[in-house]
């Protein structure tokens, strides 16, 4: 850890101190705090291109590392590929994070779910992937052209699942309400993935409560992608902790759903979410969706950049509230 901190510029080190102090004020407890702090530090080293230096990279300064992992997402317009990778020897632990990939041809061919090996090149504040070798696991012809997913205006099928009370629920149960839906799993180790989605949903729930008429015409639904572990009992405990109502939580406004593997896979694929069982975690992307009272897709969020207040505004618009 000290070696990593030593690589930071003064600006980045100040940001590092701010982040660690902020984490200390949250409810994250060891070892999650340390894991979160390491993730932020490594992200500073790898992603903040040009933040520590404006000089042209000198090839003599390059450090090269072997990287192996599975592709979680491809952002061709940004030349980024998010990879759930194994530990990189002498550099960083295994985690899921984005990497720059300058090679247009390789970037154009990559698809979610591909296994890859590559050389991670680090030069000062810049990093990128080279010498990428791809092993395609998917037999879906659409994999080479990207993930297919529901589009705005598409009608959502009446999927069946089971909620935190072990009761069967159907998506059509929420017709007449603006439904906010996302995917999580309770053991997710990445603070900026599932935990952030649930934290954001809790904030959406709080904001909607301020307007009782709107609150009564909206609903939240979190669907696990780990149904073997996330039983109704587990989801009930997880959900009550996030609303902070604990034993008093009634789940009248926010359901947590599980089901069979096929049931969950069907819902996830409709919305364009792909996920895979890694060595010690589920490798997955993100999808958060607003569904209209008529049961049609209003908006799809594909990352973790959305803000609770923006989603609340979209839900009101879905209700015809401006």
C-alpha atoms as a PDB file:
ATOM      1  CA  UNK A   1       0.000   0.000   0.000  1.00  0.00           C
ATOM      2  CA  UNK A   2       2.853   2.406   0.876  1.00  0.00           C
ATOM      3  CA  UNK A   3       4.462   1.698  -2.498  1.00  0.00           C
ATOM      4  CA  UNK A   4       1.241   2.640  -4.279  1.00  0.00           C
ATOM      5  CA  UNK A   5       0.838   5.865  -2.293  1.00  0.00           C
ATOM      6  CA  UNK A   6       4.401   6.799  -3.168  1.00  0.00           C
ATOM      7  CA  UNK A   7       3.462   6.921  -6.857  1.00  0.00           C
ATOM      8  CA  UNK A   8       0.845   9.644  -6.395  1.00  0.00           C
ATOM      9  CA  UNK A   9       1.445  13.280  -7.276  1.00  0.00           C
ATOM     10  CA  UNK A  10       0.676  15.995  -4.713  1.00  0.00           C
ATOM     11  CA  UNK A  11      -2.760  16.624  -6.254  1.00  0.00           C
ATOM     12  CA  UNK A  12      -3.709  12.959  -6.310  1.00  0.00           C
ATOM     13  CA  UNK A  13      -2.377  12.428  -2.774  1.00  0.00           C
ATOM     14  CA  UNK A  14      -4.626  15.212  -1.503  1.00  0.00           C
ATOM     15  CA  UNK A  15      -7.561  13.515  -3.203  1.00  0.00           C
ATOM     16  CA  UNK A  16      -6.480  10.207  -1.664  1.00  0.00           C
ATOM     17  CA  UNK A  17      -6.557  11.763   1.830  1.00  0.00           C
ATOM     18  CA  UNK A  18     -10.003  13.229   1.140  1.00  0.00           C
ATOM     19  CA  UNK A  19     -11.342   9.854  -0.046  1.00  0.00           C
ATOM     20  CA  UNK A  20      -9.976   7.937   2.928  1.00  0.00           C
ATOM     21  CA  UNK A  21     -11.413  10.477   5.379  1.00  0.00           C
ATOM     22  CA  UNK A  22     -14.777  10.289   3.610  1.00  0.00           C
ATOM     23  CA  UNK A  23     -14.747   6.487   3.753  1.00  0.00           C
ATOM     24  CA  UNK A  24     -13.946   6.659   7.451  1.00  0.00           C
ATOM     25  CA  UNK A  25     -17.154   8.632   8.045  1.00  0.00           C
ATOM     26  CA  UNK A  26     -19.329   6.017   6.326  1.00  0.00           C
ATOM     27  CA  UNK A  27     -20.687   2.810   7.721  1.00  0.00           C
ATOM     28  CA  UNK A  28     -18.222   0.671   5.767  1.00  0.00           C
ATOM     29  CA  UNK A  29     -16.275  -1.452   8.245  1.00  0.00           C
ATOM     30  CA  UNK A  30     -12.973  -3.363   7.858  1.00  0.00           C
ATOM     31  CA  UNK A  31     -12.068  -5.155   5.702  1.00  0.00           C
ATOM     32  CA  UNK A  32     -14.459  -3.342   3.337  1.00  0.00           C
ATOM     33  CA  UNK A  33     -12.878   0.021   4.149  1.00  0.00           C
ATOM     34  CA  UNK A  34      -9.437  -1.164   3.139  1.00  0.00           C
ATOM     35  CA  UNK A  35     -10.750  -2.807  -0.022  1.00  0.00           C
ATOM     36  CA  UNK A  36     -12.633   0.342  -0.967  1.00  0.00           C
ATOM     37  CA  UNK A  37      -9.589   2.513  -0.269  1.00  0.00           C
ATOM     38  CA  UNK A  38      -7.343   0.296  -2.363  1.00  0.00           C
ATOM     39  CA  UNK A  39      -9.791   0.405  -5.232  1.00  0.00           C
ATOM     40  CA  UNK A  40      -9.886   4.214  -5.196  1.00  0.00           C
ATOM     41  CA  UNK A  41      -6.103   4.434  -4.995  1.00  0.00           C
ATOM     42  CA  UNK A  42      -5.531   2.062  -7.894  1.00  0.00           C
ATOM     43  CA  UNK A  43      -8.199   3.839  -9.919  1.00  0.00           C
ATOM     44  CA  UNK A  44      -6.292   7.090  -9.374  1.00  0.00           C
ATOM     45  CA  UNK A  45      -3.116   5.459 -10.642  1.00  0.00           C
ATOM     46  CA  UNK A  46      -4.668   3.883 -13.725  1.00  0.00           C
ATOM     47  CA  UNK A  47      -7.597   5.968 -14.922  1.00  0.00           C
ATOM     48  CA  UNK A  48      -6.719   9.622 -14.291  1.00  0.00           C
ATOM     49  CA  UNK A  49      -4.850   9.953 -17.589  1.00  0.00           C
ATOM     50  CA  UNK A  50      -2.745  13.068 -17.687  1.00  0.00           C
ATOM     51  CA  UNK A  51      -3.702  14.150 -14.174  1.00  0.00           C
ATOM     52  CA  UNK A  52      -0.183  13.731 -12.810  1.00  0.00           C
ATOM     53  CA  UNK A  53       1.810  14.780 -15.848  1.00  0.00           C
ATOM     54  CA  UNK A  54       1.370  16.631 -19.115  1.00  0.00           C
ATOM     55  CA  UNK A  55       4.617  15.467 -20.636  1.00  0.00           C
ATOM     56  CA  UNK A  56       4.721  12.987 -23.490  1.00  0.00           C
ATOM     57  CA  UNK A  57       5.207   9.420 -22.177  1.00  0.00           C
ATOM     58  CA  UNK A  58       8.747   8.148 -22.465  1.00  0.00           C
ATOM     59  CA  UNK A  59       8.866   4.492 -23.589  1.00  0.00           C
ATOM     60  CA  UNK A  60      11.844   4.026 -21.285  1.00  0.00           C
ATOM     61  CA  UNK A  61       9.552   4.688 -18.295  1.00  0.00           C
ATOM     62  CA  UNK A  62       7.029   2.004 -19.216  1.00  0.00           C
ATOM     63  CA  UNK A  63       6.298  -0.829 -16.834  1.00  0.00           C
ATOM     64  CA  UNK A  64       4.564  -3.884 -18.251  1.00  0.00           C
ATOM     65  CA  UNK A  65       2.434  -6.449 -16.438  1.00  0.00           C
ATOM     66  CA  UNK A  66       0.562  -9.592 -17.487  1.00  0.00           C
ATOM     67  CA  UNK A  67      -3.212  -9.253 -17.075  1.00  0.00           C
ATOM     68  CA  UNK A  68      -5.853 -11.961 -17.313  1.00  0.00           C
ATOM     69  CA  UNK A  69      -9.605 -11.672 -16.844  1.00  0.00           C
ATOM     70  CA  UNK A  70     -13.143 -11.543 -18.232  1.00  0.00           C
ATOM     71  CA  UNK A  71     -14.739  -8.649 -20.096  1.00  0.00           C
ATOM     72  CA  UNK A  72     -17.653  -7.079 -18.197  1.00  0.00           C
ATOM     73  CA  UNK A  73     -18.411  -4.138 -20.488  1.00  0.00           C
ATOM     74  CA  UNK A  74     -17.098  -2.475 -23.646  1.00  0.00           C
ATOM     75  CA  UNK A  75     -17.402   1.285 -24.221  1.00  0.00           C
ATOM     76  CA  UNK A  76     -16.143   1.719 -27.759  1.00  0.00           C
ATOM     77  CA  UNK A  77     -16.769   5.461 -27.895  1.00  0.00           C
ATOM     78  CA  UNK A  78     -14.485   5.948 -24.885  1.00  0.00           C
ATOM     79  CA  UNK A  79     -11.950   3.244 -25.849  1.00  0.00           C
ATOM     80  CA  UNK A  80     -12.604   1.604 -22.478  1.00  0.00           C
ATOM     81  CA  UNK A  81     -13.054  -2.048 -21.591  1.00  0.00           C
ATOM     82  CA  UNK A  82     -14.112  -3.045 -18.084  1.00  0.00           C
ATOM     83  CA  UNK A  83     -12.463  -6.280 -16.968  1.00  0.00           C
ATOM     84  CA  UNK A  84     -12.870  -8.508 -13.936  1.00  0.00           C
ATOM     85  CA  UNK A  85      -9.237  -9.532 -13.649  1.00  0.00           C
ATOM     86  CA  UNK A  86      -7.057 -11.745 -11.541  1.00  0.00           C
ATOM     87  CA  UNK A  87      -4.330 -10.321  -9.321  1.00  0.00           C
ATOM     88  CA  UNK A  88      -1.680  -8.532 -11.383  1.00  0.00           C
ATOM     89  CA  UNK A  89       1.651  -9.742 -10.045  1.00  0.00           C
ATOM     90  CA  UNK A  90       3.755  -7.041  -8.374  1.00  0.00           C
ATOM     91  CA  UNK A  91       1.147  -4.364  -9.066  1.00  0.00           C
ATOM     92  CA  UNK A  92      -2.416  -4.782  -7.753  1.00  0.00           C
ATOM     93  CA  UNK A  93      -4.981  -7.295  -6.457  1.00  0.00           C
ATOM     94  CA  UNK A  94      -7.756  -8.797  -8.542  1.00  0.00           C
ATOM     95  CA  UNK A  95     -10.792  -6.549  -9.037  1.00  0.00           C
ATOM     96  CA  UNK A  96     -13.196  -5.217 -11.667  1.00  0.00           C
ATOM     97  CA  UNK A  97     -12.227  -1.919 -13.302  1.00  0.00           C
ATOM     98  CA  UNK A  98     -11.966  -0.113 -16.671  1.00  0.00           C
ATOM     99  CA  UNK A  99      -8.834  -0.055 -18.850  1.00  0.00           C
ATOM    100  CA  UNK A 100      -7.914   2.023 -21.889  1.00  0.00           C
ATOM    101  CA  UNK A 101      -7.632   0.020 -25.125  1.00  0.00           C
ATOM    102  CA  UNK A 102      -6.256   2.087 -28.045  1.00  0.00           C
ATOM    103  CA  UNK A 103      -6.423  -0.725 -30.651  1.00  0.00           C
ATOM    104  CA  UNK A 104      -9.575  -0.005 -32.720  1.00  0.00           C
ATOM    105  CA  UNK A 105      -9.714  -3.450 -34.319  1.00  0.00           C
ATOM    106  CA  UNK A 106      -9.501  -5.328 -31.025  1.00  0.00           C
ATOM    107  CA  UNK A 107     -11.963  -2.948 -29.379  1.00  0.00           C
ATOM    108  CA  UNK A 108     -14.436  -3.496 -32.213  1.00  0.00           C
ATOM    109  CA  UNK A 109     -14.304  -7.268 -31.817  1.00  0.00           C
ATOM    110  CA  UNK A 110     -14.434  -7.539 -28.010  1.00  0.00           C
ATOM    111  CA  UNK A 111     -17.738  -8.551 -26.423  1.00  0.00           C
ATOM    112  CA  UNK A 112     -19.058  -8.949 -22.906  1.00  0.00           C
ATOM    113  CA  UNK A 113     -18.110 -12.354 -21.523  1.00  0.00           C
ATOM    114  CA  UNK A 114     -14.887 -12.761 -23.502  1.00  0.00           C
ATOM    115  CA  UNK A 115     -11.896 -14.140 -21.622  1.00  0.00           C
ATOM    116  CA  UNK A 116      -8.767 -12.145 -22.384  1.00  0.00           C
ATOM    117  CA  UNK A 117      -5.065 -12.008 -21.653  1.00  0.00           C
ATOM    118  CA  UNK A 118      -3.172  -8.774 -22.268  1.00  0.00           C
ATOM    119  CA  UNK A 119      -0.177  -6.672 -21.374  1.00  0.00           C
ATOM    120  CA  UNK A 120      -0.984  -3.801 -19.019  1.00  0.00           C
ATOM    121  CA  UNK A 121       1.355  -0.912 -19.795  1.00  0.00           C
ATOM    122  CA  UNK A 122       1.805   1.744 -17.094  1.00  0.00           C
ATOM    123  CA  UNK A 123       3.728   4.951 -17.782  1.00  0.00           C
ATOM    124  CA  UNK A 124       3.463   7.610 -15.090  1.00  0.00           C
ATOM    125  CA  UNK A 125      -0.195   8.635 -14.852  1.00  0.00           C
ATOM    126  CA  UNK A 126      -1.181   6.791 -18.036  1.00  0.00           C
ATOM    127  CA  UNK A 127      -2.015   3.155 -18.674  1.00  0.00           C
ATOM    128  CA  UNK A 128      -3.378   1.033 -21.510  1.00  0.00           C
ATOM    129  CA  UNK A 129      -3.682  -2.534 -22.778  1.00  0.00           C
ATOM    130  CA  UNK A 130      -1.608  -4.111 -25.531  1.00  0.00           C
ATOM    131  CA  UNK A 131      -1.167  -7.595 -27.037  1.00  0.00           C
ATOM    132  CA  UNK A 132      -4.758  -8.621 -26.291  1.00  0.00           C
ATOM    133  CA  UNK A 133      -5.673 -12.272 -26.866  1.00  0.00           C
ATOM    134  CA  UNK A 134      -9.385 -13.101 -26.875  1.00  0.00           C
ATOM    135  CA  UNK A 135     -11.151 -16.357 -26.047  1.00  0.00           C
ATOM    136  CA  UNK A 136     -14.837 -16.116 -26.896  1.00  0.00           C
ATOM    137  CA  UNK A 137     -17.148 -18.019 -24.556  1.00  0.00           C
ATOM    138  CA  UNK A 138     -20.454 -16.847 -25.999  1.00  0.00           C
ATOM    139  CA  UNK A 139     -22.104 -18.654 -28.891  1.00  0.00           C
ATOM    140  CA  UNK A 140     -24.615 -15.846 -29.332  1.00  0.00           C
ATOM    141  CA  UNK A 141     -24.103 -14.308 -32.807  1.00  0.00           C
ATOM    142  CA  UNK A 142     -25.069 -10.911 -31.433  1.00  0.00           C
ATOM    143  CA  UNK A 143     -22.128 -10.962 -29.042  1.00  0.00           C
ATOM    144  CA  UNK A 144     -19.756  -9.517 -31.649  1.00  0.00           C
ATOM    145  CA  UNK A 145     -21.996  -6.529 -32.257  1.00  0.00           C
ATOM    146  CA  UNK A 146     -22.782  -5.775 -28.625  1.00  0.00           C
ATOM    147  CA  UNK A 147     -25.477  -6.565 -26.101  1.00  0.00           C
ATOM    148  CA  UNK A 148     -29.059  -6.602 -27.277  1.00  0.00           C
ATOM    149  CA  UNK A 149     -31.417  -4.978 -24.838  1.00  0.00           C
ATOM    150  CA  UNK A 150     -34.852  -3.514 -24.398  1.00  0.00           C
ATOM    151  CA  UNK A 151     -35.312  -0.080 -25.912  1.00  0.00           C
ATOM    152  CA  UNK A 152     -37.422   2.885 -24.906  1.00  0.00           C
ATOM    153  CA  UNK A 153     -41.060   2.127 -25.663  1.00  0.00           C
ATOM    154  CA  UNK A 154     -40.665  -1.680 -25.581  1.00  0.00           C
ATOM    155  CA  UNK A 155     -43.323  -3.525 -23.605  1.00  0.00           C
ATOM    156  CA  UNK A 156     -41.901  -5.466 -20.673  1.00  0.00           C
ATOM    157  CA  UNK A 157     -42.950  -9.138 -20.427  1.00  0.00           C
ATOM    158  CA  UNK A 158     -44.825 -10.280 -17.341  1.00  0.00           C
ATOM    159  CA  UNK A 159     -41.883 -11.998 -15.640  1.00  0.00           C
ATOM    160  CA  UNK A 160     -42.528 -14.083 -12.519  1.00  0.00           C
ATOM    161  CA  UNK A 161     -40.228 -14.110  -9.474  1.00  0.00           C
ATOM    162  CA  UNK A 162     -40.444 -14.528  -5.703  1.00  0.00           C
ATOM    163  CA  UNK A 163     -39.991 -11.661  -3.250  1.00  0.00           C
ATOM    164  CA  UNK A 164     -38.420 -11.262   0.199  1.00  0.00           C
ATOM    165  CA  UNK A 165     -41.571 -12.681   1.782  1.00  0.00           C
ATOM    166  CA  UNK A 166     -41.312 -15.840  -0.368  1.00  0.00           C
ATOM    167  CA  UNK A 167     -44.429 -14.760  -2.275  1.00  0.00           C
ATOM    168  CA  UNK A 168     -44.762 -15.010  -6.038  1.00  0.00           C
ATOM    169  CA  UNK A 169     -44.752 -11.641  -7.770  1.00  0.00           C
ATOM    170  CA  UNK A 170     -45.230 -10.671 -11.404  1.00  0.00           C
ATOM    171  CA  UNK A 171     -44.085  -7.495 -13.102  1.00  0.00           C
ATOM    172  CA  UNK A 172     -47.682  -6.872 -14.108  1.00  0.00           C
ATOM    173  CA  UNK A 173     -48.443  -6.528 -10.381  1.00  0.00           C
ATOM    174  CA  UNK A 174     -46.889  -3.077 -10.665  1.00  0.00           C
ATOM    175  CA  UNK A 175     -48.959  -1.880 -13.614  1.00  0.00           C
ATOM    176  CA  UNK A 176     -50.421   1.527 -12.900  1.00  0.00           C
ATOM    177  CA  UNK A 177     -47.230   2.620 -11.128  1.00  0.00           C
ATOM    178  CA  UNK A 178     -43.878   3.945 -12.312  1.00  0.00           C
ATOM    179  CA  UNK A 179     -41.481   1.093 -11.513  1.00  0.00           C
ATOM    180  CA  UNK A 180     -37.762   1.563 -10.846  1.00  0.00           C
ATOM    181  CA  UNK A 181     -35.901  -1.724 -11.308  1.00  0.00           C
ATOM    182  CA  UNK A 182     -32.265  -2.703 -10.833  1.00  0.00           C
ATOM    183  CA  UNK A 183     -30.053  -5.793 -10.402  1.00  0.00           C
ATOM    184  CA  UNK A 184     -27.875  -6.540  -7.374  1.00  0.00           C
ATOM    185  CA  UNK A 185     -26.461  -9.385  -5.339  1.00  0.00           C
ATOM    186  CA  UNK A 186     -25.979  -9.145  -1.601  1.00  0.00           C
ATOM    187  CA  UNK A 187     -22.384 -10.445  -1.480  1.00  0.00           C
ATOM    188  CA  UNK A 188     -21.096  -8.039  -4.132  1.00  0.00           C
ATOM    189  CA  UNK A 189     -17.654  -6.838  -2.914  1.00  0.00           C
ATOM    190  CA  UNK A 190     -17.490  -3.676  -5.044  1.00  0.00           C
ATOM    191  CA  UNK A 191     -18.809  -0.591  -3.220  1.00  0.00           C
ATOM    192  CA  UNK A 192     -19.521   1.270  -6.456  1.00  0.00           C
ATOM    193  CA  UNK A 193     -21.661  -1.532  -7.919  1.00  0.00           C
ATOM    194  CA  UNK A 194     -24.472  -3.291  -6.024  1.00  0.00           C
ATOM    195  CA  UNK A 195     -24.050  -1.424  -2.752  1.00  0.00           C
ATOM    196  CA  UNK A 196     -24.197   1.902  -4.582  1.00  0.00           C
ATOM    197  CA  UNK A 197     -27.337   0.816  -6.447  1.00  0.00           C
ATOM    198  CA  UNK A 198     -29.050  -0.090  -3.169  1.00  0.00           C
ATOM    199  CA  UNK A 199     -27.854   3.085  -1.447  1.00  0.00           C
ATOM    200  CA  UNK A 200     -29.188   5.144  -4.359  1.00  0.00           C
ATOM    201  CA  UNK A 201     -32.504   3.280  -4.277  1.00  0.00           C
ATOM    202  CA  UNK A 202     -32.814   4.043  -0.562  1.00  0.00           C
ATOM    203  CA  UNK A 203     -32.311   7.733  -1.346  1.00  0.00           C
ATOM    204  CA  UNK A 204     -34.900   7.574  -4.158  1.00  0.00           C
ATOM    205  CA  UNK A 205     -37.301   5.993  -1.675  1.00  0.00           C
ATOM    206  CA  UNK A 206     -36.699   8.801   0.827  1.00  0.00           C
ATOM    207  CA  UNK A 207     -37.166  11.535  -1.773  1.00  0.00           C
ATOM    208  CA  UNK A 208     -40.393  10.018  -3.071  1.00  0.00           C
ATOM    209  CA  UNK A 209     -41.802   9.830   0.452  1.00  0.00           C
ATOM    210  CA  UNK A 210     -41.814  13.626   0.568  1.00  0.00           C
ATOM    211  CA  UNK A 211     -44.685  13.600  -1.952  1.00  0.00           C
ATOM    212  CA  UNK A 212     -47.292  11.083  -0.738  1.00  0.00           C
ATOM    213  CA  UNK A 213     -49.323  11.208  -3.959  1.00  0.00           C
ATOM    214  CA  UNK A 214     -46.244  10.380  -6.044  1.00  0.00           C
ATOM    215  CA  UNK A 215     -45.060   7.802  -3.499  1.00  0.00           C
ATOM    216  CA  UNK A 216     -48.315   5.868  -3.782  1.00  0.00           C
ATOM    217  CA  UNK A 217     -47.957   5.672  -7.554  1.00  0.00           C
ATOM    218  CA  UNK A 218     -44.355   4.463  -7.671  1.00  0.00           C
ATOM    219  CA  UNK A 219     -42.527   1.275  -6.707  1.00  0.00           C
ATOM    220  CA  UNK A 220     -38.945   0.011  -6.433  1.00  0.00           C
ATOM    221  CA  UNK A 221     -37.709  -3.479  -7.314  1.00  0.00           C
ATOM    222  CA  UNK A 222     -34.227  -4.928  -6.774  1.00  0.00           C
ATOM    223  CA  UNK A 223     -33.575  -8.291  -8.450  1.00  0.00           C
ATOM    224  CA  UNK A 224     -30.721 -10.531  -7.326  1.00  0.00           C
ATOM    225  CA  UNK A 225     -28.449 -12.223  -9.870  1.00  0.00           C
ATOM    226  CA  UNK A 226     -27.314 -14.696  -7.180  1.00  0.00           C
ATOM    227  CA  UNK A 227     -30.518 -16.644  -6.464  1.00  0.00           C
ATOM    228  CA  UNK A 228     -28.675 -19.649  -4.969  1.00  0.00           C
ATOM    229  CA  UNK A 229     -27.428 -17.548  -2.051  1.00  0.00           C
ATOM    230  CA  UNK A 230     -29.914 -14.676  -2.020  1.00  0.00           C
ATOM    231  CA  UNK A 231     -32.923 -16.478  -0.632  1.00  0.00           C
ATOM    232  CA  UNK A 232     -36.010 -14.505   0.425  1.00  0.00           C
ATOM    233  CA  UNK A 233     -34.707 -14.532   4.016  1.00  0.00           C
ATOM    234  CA  UNK A 234     -31.349 -13.076   2.952  1.00  0.00           C
ATOM    235  CA  UNK A 235     -33.007 -10.458   0.758  1.00  0.00           C
ATOM    236  CA  UNK A 236     -35.362  -9.456   3.554  1.00  0.00           C
ATOM    237  CA  UNK A 237     -32.466  -8.802   5.913  1.00  0.00           C
ATOM    238  CA  UNK A 238     -30.463  -6.988   3.210  1.00  0.00           C
ATOM    239  CA  UNK A 239     -33.403  -4.813   2.204  1.00  0.00           C
ATOM    240  CA  UNK A 240     -34.371  -3.846   5.734  1.00  0.00           C
ATOM    241  CA  UNK A 241     -30.774  -2.815   6.425  1.00  0.00           C
ATOM    242  CA  UNK A 242     -30.706  -0.520   3.393  1.00  0.00           C
ATOM    243  CA  UNK A 243     -33.984   1.194   4.248  1.00  0.00           C
ATOM    244  CA  UNK A 244     -32.777   1.402   7.884  1.00  0.00           C
ATOM    245  CA  UNK A 245     -36.217   0.393   9.101  1.00  0.00           C
ATOM    246  CA  UNK A 246     -35.003  -3.071  10.125  1.00  0.00           C
ATOM    247  CA  UNK A 247     -37.774  -4.955  11.997  1.00  0.00           C
ATOM    248  CA  UNK A 248     -40.263  -2.234  11.044  1.00  0.00           C
ATOM    249  CA  UNK A 249     -39.757  -2.598   7.289  1.00  0.00           C
ATOM    250  CA  UNK A 250     -42.974  -3.660   5.520  1.00  0.00           C
ATOM    251  CA  UNK A 251     -41.599  -3.687   1.948  1.00  0.00           C
ATOM    252  CA  UNK A 252     -44.771  -2.004   0.700  1.00  0.00           C
ATOM    253  CA  UNK A 253     -42.811   0.307  -1.600  1.00  0.00           C
ATOM    254  CA  UNK A 254     -39.603  -1.610  -2.332  1.00  0.00           C
ATOM    255  CA  UNK A 255     -39.462  -5.322  -3.177  1.00  0.00           C
ATOM    256  CA  UNK A 256     -36.385  -7.537  -3.356  1.00  0.00           C
ATOM    257  CA  UNK A 257     -36.820 -10.421  -5.785  1.00  0.00           C
ATOM    258  CA  UNK A 258     -35.186 -13.781  -6.357  1.00  0.00           C
ATOM    259  CA  UNK A 259     -36.316 -16.854  -8.278  1.00  0.00           C
ATOM    260  CA  UNK A 260     -34.892 -19.720 -10.256  1.00  0.00           C
ATOM    261  CA  UNK A 261     -31.719 -19.193 -12.273  1.00  0.00           C
ATOM    262  CA  UNK A 262     -33.740 -19.318 -15.488  1.00  0.00           C
ATOM    263  CA  UNK A 263     -36.259 -16.775 -14.212  1.00  0.00           C
ATOM    264  CA  UNK A 264     -33.542 -14.308 -13.242  1.00  0.00           C
ATOM    265  CA  UNK A 265     -31.571 -14.878 -16.426  1.00  0.00           C
ATOM    266  CA  UNK A 266     -34.660 -14.173 -18.524  1.00  0.00           C
ATOM    267  CA  UNK A 267     -35.317 -10.810 -16.876  1.00  0.00           C
ATOM    268  CA  UNK A 268     -31.643  -9.812 -16.969  1.00  0.00           C
ATOM    269  CA  UNK A 269     -31.206 -10.663 -20.641  1.00  0.00           C
ATOM    270  CA  UNK A 270     -34.299  -8.705 -21.642  1.00  0.00           C
ATOM    271  CA  UNK A 271     -32.752  -5.560 -20.167  1.00  0.00           C
ATOM    272  CA  UNK A 272     -29.308  -6.283 -21.628  1.00  0.00           C
ATOM    273  CA  UNK A 273     -27.554  -7.343 -18.436  1.00  0.00           C
ATOM    274  CA  UNK A 274     -24.922 -10.079 -18.739  1.00  0.00           C
ATOM    275  CA  UNK A 275     -23.288 -11.744 -15.746  1.00  0.00           C
ATOM    276  CA  UNK A 276     -20.917 -14.644 -15.168  1.00  0.00           C
ATOM    277  CA  UNK A 277     -19.705 -16.614 -12.182  1.00  0.00           C
ATOM    278  CA  UNK A 278     -16.062 -15.690 -11.601  1.00  0.00           C
ATOM    279  CA  UNK A 279     -13.591 -17.421  -9.310  1.00  0.00           C
ATOM    280  CA  UNK A 280     -14.726 -15.556  -6.189  1.00  0.00           C
ATOM    281  CA  UNK A 281     -17.483 -13.197  -7.283  1.00  0.00           C
ATOM    282  CA  UNK A 282     -20.169 -12.714  -9.914  1.00  0.00           C
ATOM    283  CA  UNK A 283     -18.827 -10.674 -12.811  1.00  0.00           C
ATOM    284  CA  UNK A 284     -21.559  -8.349 -13.995  1.00  0.00           C
ATOM    285  CA  UNK A 285     -22.455  -5.050 -15.562  1.00  0.00           C
ATOM    286  CA  UNK A 286     -25.151  -2.667 -14.401  1.00  0.00           C
ATOM    287  CA  UNK A 287     -28.708  -2.000 -15.517  1.00  0.00           C
ATOM    288  CA  UNK A 288     -31.272   0.248 -13.851  1.00  0.00           C
ATOM    289  CA  UNK A 289     -34.599   0.716 -15.619  1.00  0.00           C
ATOM    290  CA  UNK A 290     -37.668   2.927 -15.305  1.00  0.00           C
ATOM    291  CA  UNK A 291     -40.892   1.256 -16.479  1.00  0.00           C
ATOM    292  CA  UNK A 292     -44.036   3.262 -17.138  1.00  0.00           C
ATOM    293  CA  UNK A 293     -47.437   2.600 -15.496  1.00  0.00           C
ATOM    294  CA  UNK A 294     -48.403   1.015 -18.847  1.00  0.00           C
ATOM    295  CA  UNK A 295     -45.562  -1.496 -18.555  1.00  0.00           C
ATOM    296  CA  UNK A 296     -43.215   0.010 -21.154  1.00  0.00           C
ATOM    297  CA  UNK A 297     -39.531   0.882 -20.926  1.00  0.00           C
ATOM    298  CA  UNK A 298     -39.054   4.598 -20.234  1.00  0.00           C
ATOM    299  CA  UNK A 299     -35.313   4.790 -19.600  1.00  0.00           C
ATOM    300  CA  UNK A 300     -32.324   2.434 -19.234  1.00  0.00           C
ATOM    301  CA  UNK A 301     -29.273   3.417 -17.171  1.00  0.00           C
ATOM    302  CA  UNK A 302     -26.238   1.302 -18.113  1.00  0.00           C
ATOM    303  CA  UNK A 303     -23.781   2.464 -15.461  1.00  0.00           C
ATOM    304  CA  UNK A 304     -23.525   3.851 -11.941  1.00  0.00           C
ATOM    305  CA  UNK A 305     -23.414   7.535 -12.866  1.00  0.00           C
ATOM    306  CA  UNK A 306     -27.116   8.297 -12.396  1.00  0.00           C
ATOM    307  CA  UNK A 307     -28.234  10.438  -9.482  1.00  0.00           C
ATOM    308  CA  UNK A 308     -31.258   9.728  -7.252  1.00  0.00           C
ATOM    309  CA  UNK A 309     -32.747  13.196  -7.838  1.00  0.00           C
ATOM    310  CA  UNK A 310     -32.569  12.725 -11.620  1.00  0.00           C
ATOM    311  CA  UNK A 311     -34.280   9.344 -11.394  1.00  0.00           C
ATOM    312  CA  UNK A 312     -37.023  10.792  -9.195  1.00  0.00           C
ATOM    313  CA  UNK A 313     -37.630  13.442 -11.865  1.00  0.00           C
ATOM    314  CA  UNK A 314     -37.832  10.789 -14.581  1.00  0.00           C
ATOM    315  CA  UNK A 315     -40.292   8.733 -12.545  1.00  0.00           C
ATOM    316  CA  UNK A 316     -42.519  11.771 -12.085  1.00  0.00           C
ATOM    317  CA  UNK A 317     -42.434  12.387 -15.838  1.00  0.00           C
ATOM    318  CA  UNK A 318     -43.379   8.745 -16.390  1.00  0.00           C
ATOM    319  CA  UNK A 319     -46.452   9.435 -14.264  1.00  0.00           C
ATOM    320  CA  UNK A 320     -47.291  12.432 -16.417  1.00  0.00           C
ATOM    321  CA  UNK A 321     -46.136  14.878 -13.789  1.00  0.00           C
ATOM    322  CA  UNK A 322     -44.009  17.085 -16.029  1.00  0.00           C
END
